[in-house]
């Protein structure tokens, strides 16, 4: 599997401190805890017409793809819920091939503005080039886009790539849907529920407060 060769994430947020050098612990439990039964379970962020309208409006206003705004919202969500630092993320989107182990810089509002978080995502993806990945990340961001009417419902298809957490984003009937598939042996349900609750707030922040990184 190949991964993007990127400048260190601290370069994107260099003026903001040393927090971007730390790696965020994502899971509640280590993979080695074999006593815990494993299953992939889904929690869904409640669909809202407001979120879809905000995302579509910001995509046009900011001049960036939807996946960049969503990734910026994910970065802010992780910082608020799990802590600040860097999270390696596998990324699939409409832009093309899978990007492996992309360093997503997660910063609170005290550490970086919405504009700076979006700019970090934008520039990180822009400079990606292929290299071999040493390890597989625990997080997978899967932006599917609009689903044709005849497609088998993706909301009913469990992940199969081995990630502890998959954030699956797609459109059904024009509305944005966000599913959080998680490994029950690695996460407590309340952790995922907190992520699902914080994500809409972070998305509204990005769509309302961020300026274009271009």
Protein backbone atom coordinates (compact mmCIF):
# COMPACT_ATOMS: atom_id res chain seq x y z
CA UNK A 1 0.00 0.00 0.00
CA UNK A 2 1.31 3.44 -0.86
CA UNK A 3 1.14 6.60 1.20
CA UNK A 4 1.67 10.28 0.45
CA UNK A 5 5.09 11.68 1.23
CA UNK A 6 4.36 14.90 3.07
CA UNK A 7 6.20 17.73 4.69
CA UNK A 8 6.04 17.37 8.48
CA UNK A 9 2.61 18.54 9.66
CA UNK A 10 4.26 21.01 12.02
CA UNK A 11 5.26 23.05 8.97
CA UNK A 12 1.61 23.79 8.21
CA UNK A 13 0.98 25.06 11.74
CA UNK A 14 4.54 25.97 12.72
CA UNK A 15 3.72 29.30 14.38
CA UNK A 16 1.15 27.71 16.69
CA UNK A 17 3.34 25.64 19.01
CA UNK A 18 4.63 22.11 19.52
CA UNK A 19 1.27 20.33 19.88
CA UNK A 20 1.39 19.20 16.24
CA UNK A 21 4.41 17.01 16.99
CA UNK A 22 2.39 14.69 19.27
CA UNK A 23 0.33 11.74 18.06
CA UNK A 24 -3.24 11.56 19.33
CA UNK A 25 -4.34 8.29 20.91
CA UNK A 26 -7.54 7.49 19.04
CA UNK A 27 -8.77 4.23 20.54
CA UNK A 28 -9.89 3.47 24.08
CA UNK A 29 -8.30 0.01 24.07
CA UNK A 30 -5.21 -1.53 22.47
CA UNK A 31 -5.54 -4.07 19.68
CA UNK A 32 -3.74 -6.62 21.85
CA UNK A 33 -6.66 -6.88 24.29
CA UNK A 34 -7.88 -10.17 22.87
CA UNK A 35 -10.37 -10.71 25.70
CA UNK A 36 -12.64 -8.05 24.19
CA UNK A 37 -14.97 -9.33 21.47
CA UNK A 38 -14.64 -7.50 18.14
CA UNK A 39 -17.43 -6.33 15.86
CA UNK A 40 -17.93 -3.35 13.56
CA UNK A 41 -20.86 -1.24 14.76
CA UNK A 42 -22.29 1.96 13.29
CA UNK A 43 -23.35 5.22 14.90
CA UNK A 44 -24.79 7.87 12.59
CA UNK A 45 -24.58 11.63 12.89
CA UNK A 46 -28.22 12.78 12.60
CA UNK A 47 -28.92 14.05 9.09
CA UNK A 48 -29.83 17.72 8.86
CA UNK A 49 -30.70 19.83 5.85
CA UNK A 50 -28.79 22.67 7.50
CA UNK A 51 -25.50 20.76 7.40
CA UNK A 52 -25.93 19.90 3.73
CA UNK A 53 -26.74 23.51 2.86
CA UNK A 54 -23.79 24.78 4.92
CA UNK A 55 -21.37 22.35 3.24
CA UNK A 56 -22.58 23.11 -0.28
CA UNK A 57 -22.48 26.85 0.32
CA UNK A 58 -18.98 26.73 1.81
CA UNK A 59 -17.67 24.56 -1.02
CA UNK A 60 -18.73 27.21 -3.52
CA UNK A 61 -17.71 30.21 -1.39
CA UNK A 62 -14.31 28.88 -0.29
CA UNK A 63 -13.43 27.28 -3.61
CA UNK A 64 -12.29 23.97 -2.09
CA UNK A 65 -13.66 20.42 -2.46
CA UNK A 66 -16.17 19.14 0.07
CA UNK A 67 -13.79 16.50 1.40
CA UNK A 68 -11.32 19.17 2.56
CA UNK A 69 -13.99 20.95 4.61
CA UNK A 70 -15.16 17.63 6.06
CA UNK A 71 -11.60 16.62 6.96
CA UNK A 72 -11.04 19.98 8.64
CA UNK A 73 -14.21 19.39 10.65
CA UNK A 74 -12.96 15.91 11.56
CA UNK A 75 -9.65 17.38 12.73
CA UNK A 76 -11.43 19.87 14.97
CA UNK A 77 -13.77 17.15 16.26
CA UNK A 78 -10.87 14.90 17.25
CA UNK A 79 -9.10 17.78 18.99
CA UNK A 80 -12.20 18.62 21.03
CA UNK A 81 -13.01 15.01 21.90
CA UNK A 82 -9.76 13.04 22.07
CA UNK A 83 -6.99 15.64 22.25
CA UNK A 84 -4.73 17.74 20.04
CA UNK A 85 -1.89 16.53 17.87
CA UNK A 86 -1.51 14.46 14.70
CA UNK A 87 -3.65 11.53 13.57
CA UNK A 88 -2.59 9.43 10.55
CA UNK A 89 -5.66 8.90 8.35
CA UNK A 90 -6.26 6.81 5.24
CA UNK A 91 -8.33 8.95 2.87
CA UNK A 92 -10.58 7.90 0.00
CA UNK A 93 -12.45 10.54 -1.97
CA UNK A 94 -13.57 11.58 -5.42
CA UNK A 95 -10.14 13.06 -6.12
CA UNK A 96 -8.71 9.67 -7.14
CA UNK A 97 -6.55 6.96 -5.57
CA UNK A 98 -6.51 6.13 -1.87
CA UNK A 99 -4.13 8.29 0.17
CA UNK A 100 -2.52 6.35 2.99
CA UNK A 101 -1.45 7.63 6.41
CA UNK A 102 -2.10 11.31 5.72
CA UNK A 103 -1.09 13.30 8.85
CA UNK A 104 -4.22 15.14 9.96
CA UNK A 105 -3.33 17.97 12.36
CA UNK A 106 -5.99 18.24 15.07
CA UNK A 107 -6.09 21.59 16.87
CA UNK A 108 -8.50 23.27 19.27
CA UNK A 109 -9.85 26.76 18.67
CA UNK A 110 -7.28 28.10 21.15
CA UNK A 111 -4.45 26.66 19.04
CA UNK A 112 -5.63 27.31 15.48
CA UNK A 113 -8.46 29.18 13.81
CA UNK A 114 -10.89 27.51 11.43
CA UNK A 115 -9.01 29.13 8.55
CA UNK A 116 -5.69 27.66 9.74
CA UNK A 117 -7.13 24.16 10.19
CA UNK A 118 -8.69 24.20 6.71
CA UNK A 119 -5.47 25.57 5.22
CA UNK A 120 -3.47 22.78 6.88
CA UNK A 121 -5.74 20.14 5.32
CA UNK A 122 -5.71 21.88 1.93
CA UNK A 123 -1.93 22.18 1.73
CA UNK A 124 -1.29 18.70 3.15
CA UNK A 125 -3.38 17.08 0.44
CA UNK A 126 -1.95 19.34 -2.27
CA UNK A 127 1.66 18.23 -1.70
CA UNK A 128 1.03 14.51 -1.37
CA UNK A 129 3.23 12.12 -3.35
CA UNK A 130 3.40 8.33 -3.24
CA UNK A 131 5.65 6.29 -0.96
CA UNK A 132 5.41 2.96 0.90
CA UNK A 133 3.40 3.00 4.12
CA UNK A 134 5.09 1.37 7.12
CA UNK A 135 1.93 0.80 9.16
CA UNK A 136 -1.81 0.99 8.62
CA UNK A 137 -3.59 3.89 10.39
CA UNK A 138 -6.46 3.29 12.78
CA UNK A 139 -8.70 5.87 11.07
CA UNK A 140 -10.21 5.75 7.58
CA UNK A 141 -12.03 8.75 6.07
CA UNK A 142 -14.18 7.44 3.23
CA UNK A 143 -15.88 10.17 1.17
CA UNK A 144 -18.10 8.37 -1.33
CA UNK A 145 -20.10 11.25 -2.78
CA UNK A 146 -23.56 11.00 -4.33
CA UNK A 147 -25.03 7.50 -4.42
CA UNK A 148 -26.91 6.38 -7.54
CA UNK A 149 -30.44 5.25 -6.76
CA UNK A 150 -29.71 1.66 -7.79
CA UNK A 151 -26.64 1.32 -5.53
CA UNK A 152 -26.67 -1.21 -2.69
CA UNK A 153 -27.08 0.93 0.44
CA UNK A 154 -23.58 1.69 1.72
CA UNK A 155 -24.98 2.38 5.17
CA UNK A 156 -25.59 -1.38 5.52
CA UNK A 157 -22.13 -2.52 4.39
CA UNK A 158 -19.63 -2.99 7.26
CA UNK A 159 -16.01 -1.91 6.66
CA UNK A 160 -13.55 -4.57 5.60
CA UNK A 161 -10.12 -2.90 5.51
CA UNK A 162 -9.16 -3.44 9.14
CA UNK A 163 -9.37 0.13 10.46
CA UNK A 164 -10.54 0.68 14.03
CA UNK A 165 -12.70 3.62 12.90
CA UNK A 166 -14.19 4.47 9.51
CA UNK A 167 -15.86 7.83 8.98
CA UNK A 168 -18.06 7.19 5.95
CA UNK A 169 -19.57 10.24 4.24
CA UNK A 170 -22.01 10.03 1.34
CA UNK A 171 -25.05 11.73 -0.16
CA UNK A 172 -28.43 10.05 -0.38
CA UNK A 173 -31.14 12.03 -2.12
CA UNK A 174 -28.84 15.04 -2.06
CA UNK A 175 -28.48 15.05 1.74
CA UNK A 176 -25.11 14.52 3.41
CA UNK A 177 -24.94 11.43 5.64
CA UNK A 178 -22.10 10.62 8.07
CA UNK A 179 -21.71 7.10 9.47
CA UNK A 180 -19.13 6.22 12.13
CA UNK A 181 -18.21 2.53 11.94
CA UNK A 182 -16.08 1.44 14.89
CA UNK A 183 -14.44 -1.69 16.27
CA UNK A 184 -16.18 -2.51 19.56
CA UNK A 185 -13.00 -4.12 20.89
CA UNK A 186 -11.13 -0.82 20.48
CA UNK A 187 -13.73 1.82 21.40
CA UNK A 188 -16.32 2.44 24.05
CA UNK A 189 -19.63 3.51 22.52
CA UNK A 190 -19.69 6.80 24.44
CA UNK A 191 -16.47 7.89 22.70
CA UNK A 192 -18.04 7.45 19.28
CA UNK A 193 -21.25 9.13 20.40
CA UNK A 194 -19.25 12.15 21.53
CA UNK A 195 -17.52 12.29 18.14
CA UNK A 196 -20.86 12.16 16.33
CA UNK A 197 -22.23 14.98 18.49
CA UNK A 198 -19.19 17.23 18.07
CA UNK A 199 -18.81 16.75 14.32
CA UNK A 200 -21.81 18.89 13.23
CA UNK A 201 -20.61 21.71 15.50
CA UNK A 202 -17.12 21.53 13.99
CA UNK A 203 -18.54 21.45 10.47
CA UNK A 204 -20.64 24.56 11.12
CA UNK A 205 -17.52 26.28 12.48
CA UNK A 206 -15.56 25.47 9.33
CA UNK A 207 -18.33 26.53 6.96
CA UNK A 208 -19.09 29.73 8.88
CA UNK A 209 -15.70 30.97 10.10
CA UNK A 210 -13.02 29.70 7.71
CA UNK A 211 -11.60 31.81 4.91
CA UNK A 212 -10.37 30.37 1.63
CA UNK A 213 -6.90 28.76 1.81
CA UNK A 214 -6.29 29.52 -1.88
